[in-house]
PDB file of N, CA and C in Angstrom:
ATOM      1  N   UNK A   1     119.604-149.837  87.171  1.00  0.00           N
ATOM      2  CA  UNK A   1     120.204-148.717  87.264  1.00  0.00           C
ATOM      3  C   UNK A   1     121.817-149.003  87.406  1.00  0.00           C
ATOM      4  N   UNK A   2     122.058-147.972  86.274  1.00  0.00           N
ATOM      5  CA  UNK A   2     123.742-148.304  86.102  1.00  0.00           C
ATOM      6  C   UNK A   2     124.323-146.936  87.448  1.00  0.00           C
ATOM      7  N   UNK A   3     125.430-147.097  87.753  1.00  0.00           N
ATOM      8  CA  UNK A   3     126.141-146.296  88.650  1.00  0.00           C
ATOM      9  C   UNK A   3     127.103-145.748  88.012  1.00  0.00           C
ATOM     10  N   UNK A   4     127.565-144.536  88.264  1.00  0.00           N
ATOM     11  CA  UNK A   4     128.665-143.782  87.607  1.00  0.00           C
ATOM     12  C   UNK A   4     129.599-143.277  88.636  1.00  0.00           C
ATOM     13  N   UNK A   5     130.804-143.909  88.025  1.00  0.00           N
ATOM     14  CA  UNK A   5     131.926-143.985  89.435  1.00  0.00           C
ATOM     15  C   UNK A   5     132.910-143.132  88.297  1.00  0.00           C
ATOM     16  N   UNK A   6     133.329-141.891  89.298  1.00  0.00           N
ATOM     17  CA  UNK A   6     134.366-141.181  88.780  1.00  0.00           C
ATOM     18  C   UNK A   6     135.609-141.810  88.715  1.00  0.00           C
ATOM     19  N   UNK A   7     136.530-141.583  87.576  1.00  0.00           N
ATOM     20  CA  UNK A   7     137.908-141.709  87.288  1.00  0.00           C
ATOM     21  C   UNK A   7     139.039-140.984  88.013  1.00  0.00           C
ATOM     22  N   UNK A   8     138.098-139.645  87.968  1.00  0.00           N
ATOM     23  CA  UNK A   8     139.159-138.622  88.183  1.00  0.00           C
ATOM     24  C   UNK A   8     138.552-137.227  88.674  1.00  0.00           C
ATOM     25  N   UNK A   9     139.334-136.469  89.206  1.00  0.00           N
ATOM     26  CA  UNK A   9     138.868-134.933  90.276  1.00  0.00           C
ATOM     27  C   UNK A   9     139.238-134.402  89.825  1.00  0.00           C
ATOM     28  N   UNK A  10     138.455-133.170  88.808  1.00  0.00           N
ATOM     29  CA  UNK A  10     139.543-131.149  89.104  1.00  0.00           C
ATOM     30  C   UNK A  10     139.423-130.818  90.441  1.00  0.00           C
ATOM     31  N   UNK A  11     140.958-130.186  90.673  1.00  0.00           N
ATOM     32  CA  UNK A  11     140.955-129.845  91.393  1.00  0.00           C
ATOM     33  C   UNK A  11     141.030-128.272  91.460  1.00  0.00           C
ATOM     34  N   UNK A  12     140.773-127.347  91.870  1.00  0.00           N
ATOM     35  CA  UNK A  12     140.845-126.103  91.249  1.00  0.00           C
ATOM     36  C   UNK A  12     141.390-125.284  92.786  1.00  0.00           C
ATOM     37  N   UNK A  13     142.043-123.955  92.582  1.00  0.00           N
ATOM     38  CA  UNK A  13     142.259-123.036  93.839  1.00  0.00           C
ATOM     39  C   UNK A  13     141.137-122.539  94.066  1.00  0.00           C
ATOM     40  N   UNK A  14     140.209-122.364  93.025  1.00  0.00           N
ATOM     41  CA  UNK A  14     138.648-121.722  93.625  1.00  0.00           C
ATOM     42  C   UNK A  14     137.581-122.453  94.695  1.00  0.00           C
ATOM     43  N   UNK A  15     137.754-122.015  95.895  1.00  0.00           N
ATOM     44  CA  UNK A  15     136.543-122.581  96.679  1.00  0.00           C
ATOM     45  C   UNK A  15     135.075-122.503  96.745  1.00  0.00           C
ATOM     46  N   UNK A  16     134.649-121.039  96.025  1.00  0.00           N
ATOM     47  CA  UNK A  16     133.829-121.146  95.789  1.00  0.00           C
ATOM     48  C   UNK A  16     133.308-120.676  94.399  1.00  0.00           C
ATOM     49  N   UNK A  17     132.052-120.299  93.933  1.00  0.00           N
ATOM     50  CA  UNK A  17     131.889-119.499  92.510  1.00  0.00           C
ATOM     51  C   UNK A  17     131.539-118.324  92.788  1.00  0.00           C
ATOM     52  N   UNK A  18     131.994-117.646  93.779  1.00  0.00           N
ATOM     53  CA  UNK A  18     132.085-116.258  93.799  1.00  0.00           C
ATOM     54  C   UNK A  18     133.326-115.342  93.123  1.00  0.00           C
ATOM     55  N   UNK A  19     133.856-114.594  92.584  1.00  0.00           N
ATOM     56  CA  UNK A  19     135.345-114.579  92.322  1.00  0.00           C
ATOM     57  C   UNK A  19     135.489-115.587  90.712  1.00  0.00           C
ATOM     58  N   UNK A  20     134.422-116.017  90.196  1.00  0.00           N
ATOM     59  CA  UNK A  20     135.192-117.092  89.289  1.00  0.00           C
ATOM     60  C   UNK A  20     134.743-116.102  88.029  1.00  0.00           C
ATOM     61  N   UNK A  21     136.174-115.980  87.245  1.00  0.00           N
ATOM     62  CA  UNK A  21     135.387-115.386  85.935  1.00  0.00           C
ATOM     63  C   UNK A  21     134.924-115.484  85.048  1.00  0.00           C
ATOM     64  N   UNK A  22     134.187-114.767  84.263  1.00  0.00           N
ATOM     65  CA  UNK A  22     133.166-114.958  83.220  1.00  0.00           C
ATOM     66  C   UNK A  22     134.173-115.775  81.887  1.00  0.00           C
ATOM     67  N   UNK A  23     134.882-114.784  81.843  1.00  0.00           N
ATOM     68  CA  UNK A  23     135.751-115.156  80.587  1.00  0.00           C
ATOM     69  C   UNK A  23     136.820-115.737  80.954  1.00  0.00           C
ATOM     70  N   UNK A  24     136.571-116.598  80.292  1.00  0.00           N
ATOM     71  CA  UNK A  24     138.485-117.295  81.001  1.00  0.00           C
ATOM     72  C   UNK A  24     139.648-117.077  81.114  1.00  0.00           C
ATOM     73  N   UNK A  25     140.276-116.251  79.719  1.00  0.00           N
ATOM     74  CA  UNK A  25     141.261-115.194  78.928  1.00  0.00           C
ATOM     75  C   UNK A  25     141.907-114.377  80.114  1.00  0.00           C
ATOM     76  N   UNK A  26     140.685-113.939  81.022  1.00  0.00           N
ATOM     77  CA  UNK A  26     141.021-113.405  81.951  1.00  0.00           C
ATOM     78  C   UNK A  26     141.757-113.478  83.307  1.00  0.00           C
ATOM     79  N   UNK A  27     141.789-115.269  83.200  1.00  0.00           N
ATOM     80  CA  UNK A  27     142.152-115.846  84.331  1.00  0.00           C
ATOM     81  C   UNK A  27     143.603-116.600  84.236  1.00  0.00           C
ATOM     82  N   UNK A  28     144.486-116.213  83.435  1.00  0.00           N
ATOM     83  CA  UNK A  28     145.567-117.158  83.011  1.00  0.00           C
ATOM     84  C   UNK A  28     146.485-117.853  84.237  1.00  0.00           C
ATOM     85  N   UNK A  29     146.042-116.400  85.244  1.00  0.00           N
ATOM     86  CA  UNK A  29     147.152-117.870  86.126  1.00  0.00           C
ATOM     87  C   UNK A  29     146.498-118.746  87.089  1.00  0.00           C
ATOM     88  N   UNK A  30     145.075-118.454  87.126  1.00  0.00           N
ATOM     89  CA  UNK A  30     144.296-119.804  87.823  1.00  0.00           C
ATOM     90  C   UNK A  30     145.024-121.157  87.218  1.00  0.00           C
ATOM     91  N   UNK A  31     145.410-122.123  87.886  1.00  0.00           N
ATOM     92  CA  UNK A  31     145.518-123.320  87.484  1.00  0.00           C
ATOM     93  C   UNK A  31     145.296-124.434  87.879  1.00  0.00           C
ATOM     94  N   UNK A  32     144.166-125.306  87.285  1.00  0.00           N
ATOM     95  CA  UNK A  32     143.669-126.464  87.865  1.00  0.00           C
ATOM     96  C   UNK A  32     144.654-127.457  87.570  1.00  0.00           C
ATOM     97  N   UNK A  33     144.118-128.895  88.133  1.00  0.00           N
ATOM     98  CA  UNK A  33     144.469-129.755  87.958  1.00  0.00           C
ATOM     99  C   UNK A  33     143.905-130.968  88.221  1.00  0.00           C
ATOM    100  N   UNK A  34     143.701-132.165  87.105  1.00  0.00           N
ATOM    101  CA  UNK A  34     142.707-133.605  87.118  1.00  0.00           C
ATOM    102  C   UNK A  34     143.532-134.076  87.758  1.00  0.00           C
ATOM    103  N   UNK A  35     143.140-134.711  89.038  1.00  0.00           N
ATOM    104  CA  UNK A  35     143.417-135.884  89.829  1.00  0.00           C
ATOM    105  C   UNK A  35     142.874-137.048  89.964  1.00  0.00           C
ATOM    106  N   UNK A  36     143.510-137.937  89.207  1.00  0.00           N
ATOM    107  CA  UNK A  36     142.896-139.726  88.770  1.00  0.00           C
ATOM    108  C   UNK A  36     142.946-140.526  90.082  1.00  0.00           C
ATOM    109  N   UNK A  37     141.613-141.267  90.091  1.00  0.00           N
ATOM    110  CA  UNK A  37     141.732-142.189  91.510  1.00  0.00           C
ATOM    111  C   UNK A  37     143.076-143.375  91.351  1.00  0.00           C
ATOM    112  N   UNK A  38     143.179-143.802  92.328  1.00  0.00           N
ATOM    113  CA  UNK A  38     144.717-144.655  92.283  1.00  0.00           C
ATOM    114  C   UNK A  38     144.787-145.820  91.347  1.00  0.00           C
ATOM    115  N   UNK A  39     143.641-146.632  91.086  1.00  0.00           N
ATOM    116  CA  UNK A  39     143.303-147.830  90.008  1.00  0.00           C
ATOM    117  C   UNK A  39     143.328-146.932  88.984  1.00  0.00           C
ATOM    118  N   UNK A  40     143.505-145.671  88.722  1.00  0.00           N
ATOM    119  CA  UNK A  40     143.327-144.958  87.013  1.00  0.00           C
ATOM    120  C   UNK A  40     145.017-144.346  87.004  1.00  0.00           C
ATOM    121  N   UNK A  41     145.563-144.384  87.755  1.00  0.00           N
ATOM    122  CA  UNK A  41     146.851-143.612  87.490  1.00  0.00           C
ATOM    123  C   UNK A  41     148.311-144.516  87.034  1.00  0.00           C
ATOM    124  N   UNK A  42     147.633-144.755  85.944  1.00  0.00           N
ATOM    125  CA  UNK A  42     148.353-145.720  84.889  1.00  0.00           C
ATOM    126  C   UNK A  42     148.919-144.657  83.875  1.00  0.00           C
ATOM    127  N   UNK A  43     149.742-145.140  83.875  1.00  0.00           N
ATOM    128  CA  UNK A  43     150.476-144.181  82.073  1.00  0.00           C
ATOM    129  C   UNK A  43     149.908-144.412  80.797  1.00  0.00           C
ATOM    130  N   UNK A  44     149.584-145.806  80.911  1.00  0.00           N
ATOM    131  CA  UNK A  44     149.162-146.237  79.434  1.00  0.00           C
ATOM    132  C   UNK A  44     147.764-145.803  79.376  1.00  0.00           C
ATOM    133  N   UNK A  45     147.068-145.405  80.619  1.00  0.00           N
ATOM    134  CA  UNK A  45     145.496-144.686  80.554  1.00  0.00           C
ATOM    135  C   UNK A  45     145.705-143.270  79.795  1.00  0.00           C
ATOM    136  N   UNK A  46     146.852-142.497  79.375  1.00  0.00           N
ATOM    137  CA  UNK A  46     146.994-141.091  78.844  1.00  0.00           C
ATOM    138  C   UNK A  46     148.096-141.444  77.663  1.00  0.00           C
ATOM    139  N   UNK A  47     148.121-142.261  77.450  1.00  0.00           N
ATOM    140  CA  UNK A  47     149.274-142.833  76.003  1.00  0.00           C
ATOM    141  C   UNK A  47     148.382-142.221  74.887  1.00  0.00           C
ATOM    142  N   UNK A  48     149.469-141.303  73.950  1.00  0.00           N
ATOM    143  CA  UNK A  48     148.866-140.727  73.059  1.00  0.00           C
ATOM    144  C   UNK A  48     148.055-139.678  72.683  1.00  0.00           C
ATOM    145  N   UNK A  49     147.689-139.274  74.332  1.00  0.00           N
ATOM    146  CA  UNK A  49     146.591-137.627  74.571  1.00  0.00           C
ATOM    147  C   UNK A  49     147.311-136.389  73.807  1.00  0.00           C
ATOM    148  N   UNK A  50     148.713-136.867  73.727  1.00  0.00           N
ATOM    149  CA  UNK A  50     149.954-135.370  73.090  1.00  0.00           C
ATOM    150  C   UNK A  50     149.124-135.054  71.827  1.00  0.00           C
ATOM    151  N   UNK A  51     148.841-136.255  70.892  1.00  0.00           N
ATOM    152  CA  UNK A  51     148.749-135.911  69.562  1.00  0.00           C
ATOM    153  C   UNK A  51     147.305-135.357  69.610  1.00  0.00           C
ATOM    154  N   UNK A  52     146.713-134.603  70.600  1.00  0.00           N
ATOM    155  CA  UNK A  52     145.503-134.011  70.331  1.00  0.00           C
ATOM    156  C   UNK A  52     145.591-132.688  70.616  1.00  0.00           C
ATOM    157  N   UNK A  53     144.667-131.807  70.139  1.00  0.00           N
ATOM    158  CA  UNK A  53     144.776-130.824  70.305  1.00  0.00           C
ATOM    159  C   UNK A  53     143.937-130.713  71.722  1.00  0.00           C
ATOM    160  N   UNK A  54     142.661-130.702  71.578  1.00  0.00           N
ATOM    161  CA  UNK A  54     142.138-130.702  73.068  1.00  0.00           C
ATOM    162  C   UNK A  54     141.475-132.134  73.884  1.00  0.00           C
ATOM    163  N   UNK A  55     140.997-131.740  74.833  1.00  0.00           N
ATOM    164  CA  UNK A  55     140.389-133.033  75.466  1.00  0.00           C
ATOM    165  C   UNK A  55     139.159-132.361  76.443  1.00  0.00           C
ATOM    166  N   UNK A  56     137.903-132.917  76.162  1.00  0.00           N
ATOM    167  CA  UNK A  56     137.016-132.897  76.879  1.00  0.00           C
ATOM    168  C   UNK A  56     137.009-133.559  77.750  1.00  0.00           C
ATOM    169  N   UNK A  57     136.283-132.769  78.792  1.00  0.00           N
ATOM    170  CA  UNK A  57     135.653-133.443  80.357  1.00  0.00           C
ATOM    171  C   UNK A  57     134.471-133.502  80.044  1.00  0.00           C
ATOM    172  N   UNK A  58     133.591-134.662  81.085  1.00  0.00           N
ATOM    173  CA  UNK A  58     132.234-134.996  80.878  1.00  0.00           C
ATOM    174  C   UNK A  58     132.696-135.005  82.867  1.00  0.00           C
ATOM    175  N   UNK A  59     131.809-134.169  83.300  1.00  0.00           N
ATOM    176  CA  UNK A  59     132.013-133.834  84.852  1.00  0.00           C
ATOM    177  C   UNK A  59     130.291-133.580  84.740  1.00  0.00           C
ATOM    178  N   UNK A  60     130.547-133.925  86.060  1.00  0.00           N
ATOM    179  CA  UNK A  60     129.135-133.700  87.155  1.00  0.00           C
ATOM    180  C   UNK A  60     129.651-132.751  88.786  1.00  0.00           C
ATOM    181  N   UNK A  61     128.914-131.798  89.230  1.00  0.00           N
ATOM    182  CA  UNK A  61     129.024-131.472  90.230  1.00  0.00           C
ATOM    183  C   UNK A  61     128.843-132.118  91.585  1.00  0.00           C
ATOM    184  N   UNK A  62     130.066-132.334  92.237  1.00  0.00           N
ATOM    185  CA  UNK A  62     130.379-133.288  93.503  1.00  0.00           C
ATOM    186  C   UNK A  62     129.331-132.998  94.299  1.00  0.00           C
ATOM    187  N   UNK A  63     129.331-131.561  94.909  1.00  0.00           N
ATOM    188  CA  UNK A  63     128.027-131.123  96.067  1.00  0.00           C
ATOM    189  C   UNK A  63     127.169-130.873  95.840  1.00  0.00           C
ATOM    190  N   UNK A  64     126.118-131.614  95.200  1.00  0.00           N
ATOM    191  CA  UNK A  64     124.877-131.875  94.743  1.00  0.00           C
ATOM    192  C   UNK A  64     124.117-132.842  95.133  1.00  0.00           C
ATOM    193  N   UNK A  65     122.746-132.725  95.276  1.00  0.00           N
ATOM    194  CA  UNK A  65     122.681-134.103  96.204  1.00  0.00           C
ATOM    195  C   UNK A  65     121.183-134.458  95.164  1.00  0.00           C
ATOM    196  N   UNK A  66     121.238-134.845  93.733  1.00  0.00           N
ATOM    197  CA  UNK A  66     120.701-135.266  92.809  1.00  0.00           C
ATOM    198  C   UNK A  66     120.918-136.885  92.588  1.00  0.00           C
ATOM    199  N   UNK A  67     120.220-137.635  92.175  1.00  0.00           N
ATOM    200  CA  UNK A  67     120.246-139.179  91.910  1.00  0.00           C
ATOM    201  C   UNK A  67     120.815-138.917  90.663  1.00  0.00           C
ATOM    202  N   UNK A  68     121.928-140.112  89.795  1.00  0.00           N
ATOM    203  CA  UNK A  68     122.169-139.291  88.483  1.00  0.00           C
ATOM    204  C   UNK A  68     121.789-141.166  87.938  1.00  0.00           C
ATOM    205  N   UNK A  69     120.765-141.080  87.068  1.00  0.00           N
ATOM    206  CA  UNK A  69     120.525-142.038  86.158  1.00  0.00           C
ATOM    207  C   UNK A  69     121.036-142.233  84.769  1.00  0.00           C
ATOM    208  N   UNK A  70     121.418-143.553  84.608  1.00  0.00           N
ATOM    209  CA  UNK A  70     121.815-143.540  83.104  1.00  0.00           C
ATOM    210  C   UNK A  70     120.784-144.741  82.588  1.00  0.00           C
ATOM    211  N   UNK A  71     120.449-144.605  81.782  1.00  0.00           N
ATOM    212  CA  UNK A  71     119.427-145.636  80.819  1.00  0.00           C
ATOM    213  C   UNK A  71     120.223-146.823  80.116  1.00  0.00           C
TER     214      UNK A  71
END
């Protein structure tokens, strides 16, 4: 079995699921950030991203107790 290791974490000002707007356009003043693990905090890891319109994030919940398996 392969282990999935995060390279970054998303930090949000929201601390629970309650109060999160269903329509993101209604909360334009909420700002989150992506914080990379120290070994990935390198300029070349992000080089060229400014040329794209969108960035897709693949994520998993941190506070769940499920075993993640990769085949």
